[in-house]
PDB file of N, CA and C in Angstrom:
ATOM      1  N   MET A   1    -109.846 -36.834   5.907  1.00  0.00           N
ATOM      2  CA  MET A   1    -108.777 -36.017   5.381  1.00  0.00           C
ATOM      3  C   MET A   1    -108.235 -35.120   6.484  1.00  0.00           C
ATOM      4  N   GLU A   2    -109.088 -34.454   7.180  1.00  0.00           N
ATOM      5  CA  GLU A   2    -108.668 -33.577   8.266  1.00  0.00           C
ATOM      6  C   GLU A   2    -108.136 -34.384   9.451  1.00  0.00           C
ATOM      7  N   GLU A   3    -108.611 -35.626   9.560  1.00  0.00           N
ATOM      8  CA  GLU A   3    -108.219 -36.466  10.685  1.00  0.00           C
ATOM      9  C   GLU A   3    -106.700 -36.678  10.721  1.00  0.00           C
ATOM     10  N   LEU A   4    -106.121 -37.003   9.578  1.00  0.00           N
ATOM     11  CA  LEU A   4    -104.684 -37.243   9.515  1.00  0.00           C
ATOM     12  C   LEU A   4    -103.910 -35.957   9.776  1.00  0.00           C
ATOM     13  N   TYR A   5    -104.394 -34.857   9.268  1.00  0.00           N
ATOM     14  CA  TYR A   5    -103.742 -33.560   9.491  1.00  0.00           C
ATOM     15  C   TYR A   5    -103.725 -33.234  10.982  1.00  0.00           C
ATOM     16  N   ASN A   6    -104.843 -33.469  11.661  1.00  0.00           N
ATOM     17  CA  ASN A   6    -104.918 -33.197  13.101  1.00  0.00           C
ATOM     18  C   ASN A   6    -103.970 -34.105  13.884  1.00  0.00           C
ATOM     19  N   ILE A   7    -103.855 -35.357  13.465  1.00  0.00           N
ATOM     20  CA  ILE A   7    -102.930 -36.276  14.120  1.00  0.00           C
ATOM     21  C   ILE A   7    -101.504 -35.773  13.943  1.00  0.00           C
ATOM     22  N   ALA A   8    -101.132 -35.416  12.708  1.00  0.00           N
ATOM     23  CA  ALA A   8     -99.775 -34.930  12.430  1.00  0.00           C
ATOM     24  C   ALA A   8     -99.474 -33.659  13.213  1.00  0.00           C
ATOM     25  N   LYS A   9    -100.456 -32.789  13.326  1.00  0.00           N
ATOM     26  CA  LYS A   9    -100.288 -31.521  14.028  1.00  0.00           C
ATOM     27  C   LYS A   9    -100.090 -31.729  15.530  1.00  0.00           C
ATOM     28  N   SER A  10    -100.764 -32.726  16.083  1.00  0.00           N
ATOM     29  CA  SER A  10    -100.693 -32.942  17.523  1.00  0.00           C
ATOM     30  C   SER A  10     -99.447 -33.705  17.962  1.00  0.00           C
ATOM     31  N   CYS A  11     -98.800 -34.401  17.052  1.00  0.00           N
ATOM     32  CA  CYS A  11     -97.619 -35.194  17.400  1.00  0.00           C
ATOM     33  C   CYS A  11     -96.358 -34.343  17.307  1.00  0.00           C
ATOM     34  N   LYS A  12     -95.489 -34.519  18.291  1.00  0.00           N
ATOM     35  CA  LYS A  12     -94.259 -33.736  18.320  1.00  0.00           C
ATOM     36  C   LYS A  12     -93.072 -34.493  17.728  1.00  0.00           C
ATOM     37  N   THR A  13     -93.112 -35.820  17.741  1.00  0.00           N
ATOM     38  CA  THR A  13     -92.017 -36.605  17.196  1.00  0.00           C
ATOM     39  C   THR A  13     -92.556 -37.584  16.167  1.00  0.00           C
ATOM     40  N   TYR A  14     -91.628 -38.133  15.378  1.00  0.00           N
ATOM     41  CA  TYR A  14     -92.021 -39.129  14.388  1.00  0.00           C
ATOM     42  C   TYR A  14     -92.606 -40.364  15.070  1.00  0.00           C
ATOM     43  N   LYS A  15     -92.030 -40.773  16.207  1.00  0.00           N
ATOM     44  CA  LYS A  15     -92.520 -41.961  16.892  1.00  0.00           C
ATOM     45  C   LYS A  15     -93.975 -41.803  17.311  1.00  0.00           C
ATOM     46  N   GLU A  16     -94.321 -40.628  17.833  1.00  0.00           N
ATOM     47  CA  GLU A  16     -95.712 -40.380  18.221  1.00  0.00           C
ATOM     48  C   GLU A  16     -96.627 -40.442  17.000  1.00  0.00           C
ATOM     49  N   PHE A  17     -96.181 -39.830  15.909  1.00  0.00           N
ATOM     50  CA  PHE A  17     -96.976 -39.816  14.676  1.00  0.00           C
ATOM     51  C   PHE A  17     -97.155 -41.242  14.146  1.00  0.00           C
ATOM     52  N   ASP A  18     -96.063 -41.991  14.094  1.00  0.00           N
ATOM     53  CA  ASP A  18     -96.112 -43.360  13.589  1.00  0.00           C
ATOM     54  C   ASP A  18     -97.026 -44.221  14.452  1.00  0.00           C
ATOM     55  N   ARG A  19     -96.918 -44.070  15.768  1.00  0.00           N
ATOM     56  CA  ARG A  19     -97.753 -44.834  16.688  1.00  0.00           C
ATOM     57  C   ARG A  19     -99.240 -44.480  16.490  1.00  0.00           C
ATOM     58  N   ALA A  20     -99.524 -43.197  16.337  1.00  0.00           N
ATOM     59  CA  ALA A  20    -100.909 -42.748  16.150  1.00  0.00           C
ATOM     60  C   ALA A  20    -101.493 -43.278  14.843  1.00  0.00           C
ATOM     61  N   ILE A  21    -100.682 -43.303  13.791  1.00  0.00           N
ATOM     62  CA  ILE A  21    -101.158 -43.784  12.488  1.00  0.00           C
ATOM     63  C   ILE A  21    -101.372 -45.292  12.520  1.00  0.00           C
ATOM     64  N   ASN A  22    -100.407 -46.023  13.068  1.00  0.00           N
ATOM     65  CA  ASN A  22    -100.498 -47.480  13.066  1.00  0.00           C
ATOM     66  C   ASN A  22    -101.553 -48.014  14.014  1.00  0.00           C
ATOM     67  N   ASP A  23    -101.932 -47.237  15.037  1.00  0.00           N
ATOM     68  CA  ASP A  23    -102.984 -47.668  15.943  1.00  0.00           C
ATOM     69  C   ASP A  23    -104.360 -47.568  15.296  1.00  0.00           C
ATOM     70  N   LYS A  24    -104.496 -46.692  14.313  1.00  0.00           N
ATOM     71  CA  LYS A  24    -105.793 -46.512  13.647  1.00  0.00           C
ATOM     72  C   LYS A  24    -105.916 -47.513  12.510  1.00  0.00           C
ATOM     73  N   LYS A  25    -106.971 -48.269  12.505  1.00  0.00           N
ATOM     74  CA  LYS A  25    -107.219 -49.229  11.443  1.00  0.00           C
ATOM     75  C   LYS A  25    -108.101 -48.573  10.385  1.00  0.00           C
ATOM     76  N   PRO A  26    -107.827 -48.837   9.101  1.00  0.00           N
ATOM     77  CA  PRO A  26    -108.670 -48.257   8.047  1.00  0.00           C
ATOM     78  C   PRO A  26    -110.106 -48.782   8.140  1.00  0.00           C
ATOM     79  N   LYS A  27    -111.037 -47.870   8.031  1.00  0.00           N
ATOM     80  CA  LYS A  27    -112.443 -48.242   8.142  1.00  0.00           C
ATOM     81  C   LYS A  27    -113.049 -48.542   6.782  1.00  0.00           C
ATOM     82  N   LYS A  28    -112.538 -47.867   5.753  1.00  0.00           N
ATOM     83  CA  LYS A  28    -113.059 -48.062   4.415  1.00  0.00           C
ATOM     84  C   LYS A  28    -111.938 -48.514   3.505  1.00  0.00           C
ATOM     85  N   LYS A  29    -112.310 -49.122   2.400  1.00  0.00           N
ATOM     86  CA  LYS A  29    -111.315 -49.587   1.435  1.00  0.00           C
ATOM     87  C   LYS A  29    -110.566 -48.415   0.820  1.00  0.00           C
ATOM     88  N   ASN A  30    -111.213 -47.286   0.584  1.00  0.00           N
ATOM     89  CA  ASN A  30    -110.595 -46.150  -0.077  1.00  0.00           C
ATOM     90  C   ASN A  30    -109.983 -45.151   0.896  1.00  0.00           C
ATOM     91  N   HIS A  31    -109.862 -45.496   2.148  1.00  0.00           N
ATOM     92  CA  HIS A  31    -109.298 -44.619   3.156  1.00  0.00           C
ATOM     93  C   HIS A  31    -107.813 -44.399   2.875  1.00  0.00           C
ATOM     94  N   LYS A  32    -107.312 -43.215   3.215  1.00  0.00           N
ATOM     95  CA  LYS A  32    -105.910 -42.869   2.948  1.00  0.00           C
ATOM     96  C   LYS A  32    -104.940 -43.898   3.500  1.00  0.00           C
ATOM     97  N   LEU A  33    -105.179 -44.358   4.711  1.00  0.00           N
ATOM     98  CA  LEU A  33    -104.263 -45.316   5.319  1.00  0.00           C
ATOM     99  C   LEU A  33    -104.261 -46.644   4.568  1.00  0.00           C
ATOM    100  N   ALA A  34    -105.404 -47.038   4.051  1.00  0.00           N
ATOM    101  CA  ALA A  34    -105.470 -48.269   3.278  1.00  0.00           C
ATOM    102  C   ALA A  34    -104.671 -48.139   1.982  1.00  0.00           C
ATOM    103  N   ILE A  35    -104.750 -46.981   1.346  1.00  0.00           N
ATOM    104  CA  ILE A  35    -103.993 -46.733   0.121  1.00  0.00           C
ATOM    105  C   ILE A  35    -102.500 -46.821   0.416  1.00  0.00           C
ATOM    106  N   VAL A  36    -102.072 -46.112   1.442  1.00  0.00           N
ATOM    107  CA  VAL A  36    -100.655 -46.067   1.795  1.00  0.00           C
ATOM    108  C   VAL A  36    -100.162 -47.444   2.220  1.00  0.00           C
ATOM    109  N   ASN A  37    -100.921 -48.139   3.043  1.00  0.00           N
ATOM    110  CA  ASN A  37    -100.511 -49.469   3.497  1.00  0.00           C
ATOM    111  C   ASN A  37    -100.402 -50.443   2.330  1.00  0.00           C
ATOM    112  N   GLY A  38    -101.319 -50.343   1.384  1.00  0.00           N
ATOM    113  CA  GLY A  38    -101.261 -51.204   0.201  1.00  0.00           C
ATOM    114  C   GLY A  38    -100.010 -50.945  -0.621  1.00  0.00           C
ATOM    115  N   ILE A  39     -99.691 -49.685  -0.827  1.00  0.00           N
ATOM    116  CA  ILE A  39     -98.492 -49.329  -1.600  1.00  0.00           C
ATOM    117  C   ILE A  39     -97.236 -49.779  -0.861  1.00  0.00           C
ATOM    118  N   LEU A  40     -97.196 -49.570   0.449  1.00  0.00           N
ATOM    119  CA  LEU A  40     -96.024 -49.975   1.229  1.00  0.00           C
ATOM    120  C   LEU A  40     -95.846 -51.491   1.231  1.00  0.00           C
ATOM    121  N   LYS A  41     -96.958 -52.212   1.337  1.00  0.00           N
ATOM    122  CA  LYS A  41     -96.883 -53.668   1.345  1.00  0.00           C
ATOM    123  C   LYS A  41     -96.339 -54.205   0.018  1.00  0.00           C
ATOM    124  N   LEU A  42     -96.851 -53.661  -1.079  1.00  0.00           N
ATOM    125  CA  LEU A  42     -96.406 -54.120  -2.395  1.00  0.00           C
ATOM    126  C   LEU A  42     -94.961 -53.713  -2.700  1.00  0.00           C
ATOM    127  N   SER A  43     -94.542 -52.563  -2.200  1.00  0.00           N
ATOM    128  CA  SER A  43     -93.180 -52.105  -2.478  1.00  0.00           C
ATOM    129  C   SER A  43     -92.170 -52.669  -1.487  1.00  0.00           C
ATOM    130  N   LYS A  44     -92.663 -53.320  -0.422  1.00  0.00           N
ATOM    131  CA  LYS A  44     -91.815 -53.909   0.623  1.00  0.00           C
ATOM    132  C   LYS A  44     -90.939 -52.871   1.319  1.00  0.00           C
ATOM    133  N   LEU A  45     -91.494 -51.696   1.530  1.00  0.00           N
ATOM    134  CA  LEU A  45     -90.812 -50.634   2.262  1.00  0.00           C
ATOM    135  C   LEU A  45     -91.599 -50.320   3.524  1.00  0.00           C
ATOM    136  N   THR A  46     -90.963 -49.613   4.440  1.00  0.00           N
ATOM    137  CA  THR A  46     -91.649 -49.202   5.655  1.00  0.00           C
ATOM    138  C   THR A  46     -92.043 -47.729   5.539  1.00  0.00           C
ATOM    139  N   PHE A  47     -92.956 -47.324   6.392  1.00  0.00           N
ATOM    140  CA  PHE A  47     -93.378 -45.925   6.403  1.00  0.00           C
ATOM    141  C   PHE A  47     -92.212 -45.025   6.808  1.00  0.00           C
ATOM    142  N   LYS A  48     -91.367 -45.535   7.670  1.00  0.00           N
ATOM    143  CA  LYS A  48     -90.186 -44.788   8.101  1.00  0.00           C
ATOM    144  C   LYS A  48     -89.263 -44.518   6.918  1.00  0.00           C
ATOM    145  N   ASP A  49     -89.108 -45.500   6.029  1.00  0.00           N
ATOM    146  CA  ASP A  49     -88.284 -45.308   4.827  1.00  0.00           C
ATOM    147  C   ASP A  49     -88.850 -44.203   3.949  1.00  0.00           C
ATOM    148  N   VAL A  50     -90.154 -44.207   3.759  1.00  0.00           N
ATOM    149  CA  VAL A  50     -90.793 -43.222   2.878  1.00  0.00           C
ATOM    150  C   VAL A  50     -90.677 -41.814   3.457  1.00  0.00           C
ATOM    151  N   ARG A  51     -90.776 -41.686   4.763  1.00  0.00           N
ATOM    152  CA  ARG A  51     -90.671 -40.370   5.402  1.00  0.00           C
ATOM    153  C   ARG A  51     -89.237 -39.886   5.561  1.00  0.00           C
ATOM    154  N   SER A  52     -88.272 -40.753   5.318  1.00  0.00           N
ATOM    155  CA  SER A  52     -86.868 -40.388   5.528  1.00  0.00           C
ATOM    156  C   SER A  52     -86.408 -39.379   4.474  1.00  0.00           C
ATOM    157  N   GLN A  53     -85.226 -38.838   4.681  1.00  0.00           N
ATOM    158  CA  GLN A  53     -84.652 -37.864   3.745  1.00  0.00           C
ATOM    159  C   GLN A  53     -83.822 -38.537   2.655  1.00  0.00           C
ATOM    160  N   LYS A  54     -83.786 -39.869   2.648  1.00  0.00           N
ATOM    161  CA  LYS A  54     -83.005 -40.601   1.653  1.00  0.00           C
ATOM    162  C   LYS A  54     -83.559 -40.341   0.259  1.00  0.00           C
ATOM    163  N   ARG A  55     -82.644 -40.329  -0.737  1.00  0.00           N
ATOM    164  CA  ARG A  55     -83.063 -40.042  -2.098  1.00  0.00           C
ATOM    165  C   ARG A  55     -82.752 -41.177  -3.059  1.00  0.00           C
ATOM    166  N   LYS A  56     -82.823 -42.394  -2.568  1.00  0.00           N
ATOM    167  CA  LYS A  56     -82.625 -43.547  -3.445  1.00  0.00           C
ATOM    168  C   LYS A  56     -83.797 -43.613  -4.419  1.00  0.00           C
ATOM    169  N   ARG A  57     -83.509 -44.052  -5.625  1.00  0.00           N
ATOM    170  CA  ARG A  57     -84.535 -44.054  -6.679  1.00  0.00           C
ATOM    171  C   ARG A  57     -85.779 -44.835  -6.265  1.00  0.00           C
ATOM    172  N   GLU A  58     -85.568 -45.983  -5.643  1.00  0.00           N
ATOM    173  CA  GLU A  58     -86.699 -46.816  -5.220  1.00  0.00           C
ATOM    174  C   GLU A  58     -87.609 -46.067  -4.250  1.00  0.00           C
ATOM    175  N   LEU A  59     -87.018 -45.368  -3.299  1.00  0.00           N
ATOM    176  CA  LEU A  59     -87.801 -44.614  -2.311  1.00  0.00           C
ATOM    177  C   LEU A  59     -88.514 -43.431  -2.958  1.00  0.00           C
ATOM    178  N   VAL A  60     -87.809 -42.737  -3.826  1.00  0.00           N
ATOM    179  CA  VAL A  60     -88.398 -41.570  -4.486  1.00  0.00           C
ATOM    180  C   VAL A  60     -89.585 -41.994  -5.342  1.00  0.00           C
ATOM    181  N   ASP A  61     -89.430 -43.105  -6.077  1.00  0.00           N
ATOM    182  CA  ASP A  61     -90.533 -43.591  -6.906  1.00  0.00           C
ATOM    183  C   ASP A  61     -91.766 -43.905  -6.067  1.00  0.00           C
ATOM    184  N   VAL A  62     -91.575 -44.571  -4.947  1.00  0.00           N
ATOM    185  CA  VAL A  62     -92.712 -44.928  -4.089  1.00  0.00           C
ATOM    186  C   VAL A  62     -93.349 -43.668  -3.506  1.00  0.00           C
ATOM    187  N   ARG A  63     -92.520 -42.703  -3.093  1.00  0.00           N
ATOM    188  CA  ARG A  63     -93.061 -41.428  -2.576  1.00  0.00           C
ATOM    189  C   ARG A  63     -93.916 -40.733  -3.635  1.00  0.00           C
ATOM    190  N   MET A  64     -93.386 -40.687  -4.863  1.00  0.00           N
ATOM    191  CA  MET A  64     -94.124 -40.008  -5.937  1.00  0.00           C
ATOM    192  C   MET A  64     -95.433 -40.724  -6.237  1.00  0.00           C
ATOM    193  N   ILE A  65     -95.387 -42.042  -6.318  1.00  0.00           N
ATOM    194  CA  ILE A  65     -96.596 -42.816  -6.611  1.00  0.00           C
ATOM    195  C   ILE A  65     -97.622 -42.646  -5.494  1.00  0.00           C
ATOM    196  N   MET A  66     -97.150 -42.662  -4.251  1.00  0.00           N
ATOM    197  CA  MET A  66     -98.043 -42.473  -3.106  1.00  0.00           C
ATOM    198  C   MET A  66     -98.689 -41.088  -3.151  1.00  0.00           C
ATOM    199  N   SER A  67     -97.894 -40.071  -3.448  1.00  0.00           N
ATOM    200  CA  SER A  67     -98.419 -38.702  -3.525  1.00  0.00           C
ATOM    201  C   SER A  67     -99.498 -38.579  -4.587  1.00  0.00           C
ATOM    202  N   VAL A  68     -99.228 -39.123  -5.766  1.00  0.00           N
ATOM    203  CA  VAL A  68    -100.188 -39.019  -6.864  1.00  0.00           C
ATOM    204  C   VAL A  68    -101.448 -39.823  -6.569  1.00  0.00           C
ATOM    205  N   ALA A  69    -101.288 -40.996  -5.962  1.00  0.00           N
ATOM    206  CA  ALA A  69    -102.462 -41.813  -5.623  1.00  0.00           C
ATOM    207  C   ALA A  69    -103.368 -41.071  -4.642  1.00  0.00           C
ATOM    208  N   LEU A  70    -102.764 -40.416  -3.658  1.00  0.00           N
ATOM    209  CA  LEU A  70    -103.557 -39.664  -2.684  1.00  0.00           C
ATOM    210  C   LEU A  70    -104.154 -38.400  -3.294  1.00  0.00           C
ATOM    211  N   LEU A  71    -103.417 -37.747  -4.189  1.00  0.00           N
ATOM    212  CA  LEU A  71    -103.974 -36.579  -4.896  1.00  0.00           C
ATOM    213  C   LEU A  71    -105.183 -36.992  -5.726  1.00  0.00           C
ATOM    214  N   ASN A  72    -105.086 -38.137  -6.385  1.00  0.00           N
ATOM    215  CA  ASN A  72    -106.196 -38.624  -7.214  1.00  0.00           C
ATOM    216  C   ASN A  72    -107.431 -38.966  -6.380  1.00  0.00           C
ATOM    217  N   LYS A  73    -107.220 -39.273  -5.099  1.00  0.00           N
ATOM    218  CA  LYS A  73    -108.359 -39.548  -4.212  1.00  0.00           C
ATOM    219  C   LYS A  73    -108.946 -38.275  -3.610  1.00  0.00           C
ATOM    220  N   GLY A  74    -108.324 -37.122  -3.891  1.00  0.00           N
ATOM    221  CA  GLY A  74    -108.895 -35.858  -3.450  1.00  0.00           C
ATOM    222  C   GLY A  74    -108.272 -35.260  -2.209  1.00  0.00           C
ATOM    223  N   TYR A  75    -107.174 -35.795  -1.736  1.00  0.00           N
ATOM    224  CA  TYR A  75    -106.521 -35.239  -0.560  1.00  0.00           C
ATOM    225  C   TYR A  75    -105.716 -34.004  -0.934  1.00  0.00           C
ATOM    226  N   HIS A  76    -105.636 -33.064  -0.023  1.00  0.00           N
ATOM    227  CA  HIS A  76    -104.955 -31.789  -0.262  1.00  0.00           C
ATOM    228  C   HIS A  76    -103.434 -31.994  -0.213  1.00  0.00           C
ATOM    229  N   PRO A  77    -102.684 -31.322  -1.102  1.00  0.00           N
ATOM    230  CA  PRO A  77    -101.225 -31.463  -1.134  1.00  0.00           C
ATOM    231  C   PRO A  77    -100.539 -31.157   0.200  1.00  0.00           C
ATOM    232  N   LYS A  78    -101.079 -30.217   0.963  1.00  0.00           N
ATOM    233  CA  LYS A  78    -100.471 -29.873   2.247  1.00  0.00           C
ATOM    234  C   LYS A  78    -100.541 -31.047   3.218  1.00  0.00           C
ATOM    235  N   ILE A  79    -101.666 -31.739   3.243  1.00  0.00           N
ATOM    236  CA  ILE A  79    -101.837 -32.885   4.128  1.00  0.00           C
ATOM    237  C   ILE A  79    -100.955 -34.042   3.673  1.00  0.00           C
ATOM    238  N   ILE A  80    -100.901 -34.275   2.378  1.00  0.00           N
ATOM    239  CA  ILE A  80    -100.047 -35.339   1.844  1.00  0.00           C
ATOM    240  C   ILE A  80     -98.584 -35.032   2.159  1.00  0.00           C
ATOM    241  N   GLY A  81     -98.200 -33.763   2.002  1.00  0.00           N
ATOM    242  CA  GLY A  81     -96.833 -33.358   2.304  1.00  0.00           C
ATOM    243  C   GLY A  81     -96.456 -33.622   3.744  1.00  0.00           C
ATOM    244  N   LYS A  82     -97.340 -33.286   4.672  1.00  0.00           N
ATOM    245  CA  LYS A  82     -97.071 -33.567   6.089  1.00  0.00           C
ATOM    246  C   LYS A  82     -96.954 -35.065   6.324  1.00  0.00           C
ATOM    247  N   TYR A  83     -97.779 -35.821   5.638  1.00  0.00           N
ATOM    248  CA  TYR A  83     -97.804 -37.274   5.805  1.00  0.00           C
ATOM    249  C   TYR A  83     -96.494 -37.920   5.357  1.00  0.00           C
ATOM    250  N   ILE A  84     -95.913 -37.434   4.255  1.00  0.00           N
ATOM    251  CA  ILE A  84     -94.673 -38.027   3.745  1.00  0.00           C
ATOM    252  C   ILE A  84     -93.445 -37.197   4.095  1.00  0.00           C
ATOM    253  N   ASN A  85     -93.604 -36.227   4.988  1.00  0.00           N
ATOM    254  CA  ASN A  85     -92.496 -35.409   5.477  1.00  0.00           C
ATOM    255  C   ASN A  85     -91.867 -34.572   4.359  1.00  0.00           C
ATOM    256  N   ARG A  86     -92.714 -33.986   3.535  1.00  0.00           N
ATOM    257  CA  ARG A  86     -92.266 -33.130   2.443  1.00  0.00           C
ATOM    258  C   ARG A  86     -93.156 -31.888   2.391  1.00  0.00           C
ATOM    259  N   ASP A  87     -92.788 -30.946   1.554  1.00  0.00           N
ATOM    260  CA  ASP A  87     -93.556 -29.719   1.366  1.00  0.00           C
ATOM    261  C   ASP A  87     -94.683 -29.961   0.362  1.00  0.00           C
ATOM    262  N   ARG A  88     -95.708 -29.126   0.390  1.00  0.00           N
ATOM    263  CA  ARG A  88     -96.831 -29.296  -0.551  1.00  0.00           C
ATOM    264  C   ARG A  88     -96.385 -29.092  -1.989  1.00  0.00           C
ATOM    265  N   SER A  89     -95.395 -28.213  -2.198  1.00  0.00           N
ATOM    266  CA  SER A  89     -94.909 -27.979  -3.565  1.00  0.00           C
ATOM    267  C   SER A  89     -94.207 -29.224  -4.110  1.00  0.00           C
ATOM    268  N   THR A  90     -93.591 -30.000  -3.235  1.00  0.00           N
ATOM    269  CA  THR A  90     -92.972 -31.260  -3.650  1.00  0.00           C
ATOM    270  C   THR A  90     -94.040 -32.232  -4.122  1.00  0.00           C
ATOM    271  N   VAL A  91     -95.162 -32.260  -3.436  1.00  0.00           N
ATOM    272  CA  VAL A  91     -96.267 -33.146  -3.821  1.00  0.00           C
ATOM    273  C   VAL A  91     -96.789 -32.758  -5.207  1.00  0.00           C
ATOM    274  N   LEU A  92     -96.935 -31.468  -5.454  1.00  0.00           N
ATOM    275  CA  LEU A  92     -97.393 -31.016  -6.771  1.00  0.00           C
ATOM    276  C   LEU A  92     -96.348 -31.312  -7.843  1.00  0.00           C
ATOM    277  N   HIS A  93     -95.085 -31.215  -7.479  1.00  0.00           N
ATOM    278  CA  HIS A  93     -94.008 -31.555  -8.410  1.00  0.00           C
ATOM    279  C   HIS A  93     -94.047 -33.049  -8.733  1.00  0.00           C
ATOM    280  N   HIS A  94     -94.347 -33.874  -7.737  1.00  0.00           N
ATOM    281  CA  HIS A  94     -94.466 -35.312  -7.966  1.00  0.00           C
ATOM    282  C   HIS A  94     -95.519 -35.606  -9.030  1.00  0.00           C
ATOM    283  N   LYS A  95     -96.622 -34.889  -8.969  1.00  0.00           N
ATOM    284  CA  LYS A  95     -97.695 -35.103  -9.953  1.00  0.00           C
ATOM    285  C   LYS A  95     -97.197 -34.850 -11.373  1.00  0.00           C
ATOM    286  N   LYS A  96     -96.453 -33.781 -11.538  1.00  0.00           N
ATOM    287  CA  LYS A  96     -95.921 -33.423 -12.853  1.00  0.00           C
ATOM    288  C   LYS A  96     -94.898 -34.465 -13.329  1.00  0.00           C
ATOM    289  N   ILE A  97     -94.003 -34.849 -12.449  1.00  0.00           N
ATOM    290  CA  ILE A  97     -92.966 -35.814 -12.793  1.00  0.00           C
ATOM    291  C   ILE A  97     -93.563 -37.178 -13.127  1.00  0.00           C
ATOM    292  N   VAL A  98     -94.550 -37.619 -12.346  1.00  0.00           N
ATOM    293  CA  VAL A  98     -95.173 -38.918 -12.593  1.00  0.00           C
ATOM    294  C   VAL A  98     -95.858 -38.935 -13.954  1.00  0.00           C
ATOM    295  N   SER A  99     -96.548 -37.874 -14.313  1.00  0.00           N
ATOM    296  CA  SER A  99     -97.213 -37.855 -15.625  1.00  0.00           C
ATOM    297  C   SER A  99     -96.183 -37.937 -16.750  1.00  0.00           C
ATOM    298  N   ASN A 100     -95.038 -37.278 -16.582  1.00  0.00           N
ATOM    299  CA  ASN A 100     -93.982 -37.361 -17.593  1.00  0.00           C
ATOM    300  C   ASN A 100     -93.360 -38.755 -17.638  1.00  0.00           C
ATOM    301  N   LEU A 101     -93.106 -39.341 -16.473  1.00  0.00           N
ATOM    302  CA  LEU A 101     -92.503 -40.675 -16.424  1.00  0.00           C
ATOM    303  C   LEU A 101     -93.438 -41.746 -16.981  1.00  0.00           C
ATOM    304  N   LEU A 102     -94.721 -41.590 -16.766  1.00  0.00           N
ATOM    305  CA  LEU A 102     -95.678 -42.567 -17.296  1.00  0.00           C
ATOM    306  C   LEU A 102     -95.670 -42.582 -18.816  1.00  0.00           C
ATOM    307  N   GLU A 103     -95.409 -41.444 -19.413  1.00  0.00           N
ATOM    308  CA  GLU A 103     -95.361 -41.360 -20.876  1.00  0.00           C
ATOM    309  C   GLU A 103     -94.054 -41.881 -21.451  1.00  0.00           C
ATOM    310  N   THR A 104     -92.962 -41.759 -20.720  1.00  0.00           N
ATOM    311  CA  THR A 104     -91.646 -42.036 -21.301  1.00  0.00           C
ATOM    312  C   THR A 104     -90.939 -43.268 -20.750  1.00  0.00           C
ATOM    313  N   ASN A 105     -91.243 -43.708 -19.545  1.00  0.00           N
ATOM    314  CA  ASN A 105     -90.485 -44.778 -18.902  1.00  0.00           C
ATOM    315  C   ASN A 105     -91.372 -46.002 -18.686  1.00  0.00           C
ATOM    316  N   LYS A 106     -91.092 -47.081 -19.416  1.00  0.00           N
ATOM    317  CA  LYS A 106     -91.921 -48.284 -19.320  1.00  0.00           C
ATOM    318  C   LYS A 106     -91.802 -48.959 -17.962  1.00  0.00           C
ATOM    319  N   GLU A 107     -90.585 -49.001 -17.409  1.00  0.00           N
ATOM    320  CA  GLU A 107     -90.391 -49.632 -16.105  1.00  0.00           C
ATOM    321  C   GLU A 107     -91.180 -48.899 -15.023  1.00  0.00           C
ATOM    322  N   PHE A 108     -91.139 -47.580 -15.055  1.00  0.00           N
ATOM    323  CA  PHE A 108     -91.891 -46.798 -14.069  1.00  0.00           C
ATOM    324  C   PHE A 108     -93.390 -47.018 -14.243  1.00  0.00           C
ATOM    325  N   LYS A 109     -93.838 -47.088 -15.492  1.00  0.00           N
ATOM    326  CA  LYS A 109     -95.264 -47.300 -15.751  1.00  0.00           C
ATOM    327  C   LYS A 109     -95.731 -48.645 -15.181  1.00  0.00           C
ATOM    328  N   GLU A 110     -94.906 -49.678 -15.339  1.00  0.00           N
ATOM    329  CA  GLU A 110     -95.245 -50.991 -14.786  1.00  0.00           C
ATOM    330  C   GLU A 110     -95.308 -50.928 -13.253  1.00  0.00           C
ATOM    331  N   LYS A 111     -94.322 -50.242 -12.660  1.00  0.00           N
ATOM    332  CA  LYS A 111     -94.287 -50.097 -11.207  1.00  0.00           C
ATOM    333  C   LYS A 111     -95.507 -49.317 -10.712  1.00  0.00           C
ATOM    334  N   TYR A 112     -95.862 -48.245 -11.414  1.00  0.00           N
ATOM    335  CA  TYR A 112     -97.020 -47.425 -11.055  1.00  0.00           C
ATOM    336  C   TYR A 112     -98.302 -48.262 -11.118  1.00  0.00           C
ATOM    337  N   ASN A 113     -98.468 -49.003 -12.206  1.00  0.00           N
ATOM    338  CA  ASN A 113     -99.667 -49.824 -12.352  1.00  0.00           C
ATOM    339  C   ASN A 113     -99.737 -50.901 -11.285  1.00  0.00           C
ATOM    340  N   LEU A 114     -98.601 -51.502 -10.929  1.00  0.00           N
ATOM    341  CA  LEU A 114     -98.569 -52.528  -9.896  1.00  0.00           C
ATOM    342  C   LEU A 114     -98.948 -51.952  -8.531  1.00  0.00           C
ATOM    343  N   LEU A 115     -98.374 -50.787  -8.186  1.00  0.00           N
ATOM    344  CA  LEU A 115     -98.598 -50.222  -6.866  1.00  0.00           C
ATOM    345  C   LEU A 115     -99.958 -49.556  -6.707  1.00  0.00           C
ATOM    346  N   THR A 116    -100.569 -49.133  -7.793  1.00  0.00           N
ATOM    347  CA  THR A 116    -101.871 -48.463  -7.688  1.00  0.00           C
ATOM    348  C   THR A 116    -103.040 -49.341  -8.099  1.00  0.00           C
ATOM    349  N   LYS A 117    -102.807 -50.609  -8.343  1.00  0.00           N
ATOM    350  CA  LYS A 117    -103.907 -51.475  -8.790  1.00  0.00           C
ATOM    351  C   LYS A 117    -104.984 -51.656  -7.728  1.00  0.00           C
ATOM    352  N   LEU A 118    -104.648 -51.476  -6.459  1.00  0.00           N
ATOM    353  CA  LEU A 118    -105.629 -51.646  -5.385  1.00  0.00           C
ATOM    354  C   LEU A 118    -106.555 -50.456  -5.264  1.00  0.00           C
ATOM    355  N   ASN A 119    -106.161 -49.319  -5.808  1.00  0.00           N
ATOM    356  CA  ASN A 119    -106.931 -48.089  -5.613  1.00  0.00           C
ATOM    357  C   ASN A 119    -108.048 -48.037  -6.560  1.00  0.00           C
TER     358      ASN A 119
END
């Protein structure tokens, strides 16, 4: 958990951060990078897309699902926020929104179940 935070803190540009993350291979199945890579692979998006400032529904949904999946694994909102280029309060807001969407939106629930089945 602290490892990713230290990497993000030491990198000055997105390219350095991306290179540092992609050079590290996940050691365990439940490792943060394995979770994120699994979600990105299934959603057919890149990490650059998720970290971007774009607000397309598809990107926002994946960001929210990724945030909640990492929160459920015990990662701190501040670290998750740095990882997805957002504030910690946004990560906590994602948790609230996802719980509401899971109750009311069938399409989102199917997408959530598909993207988090590996976790």
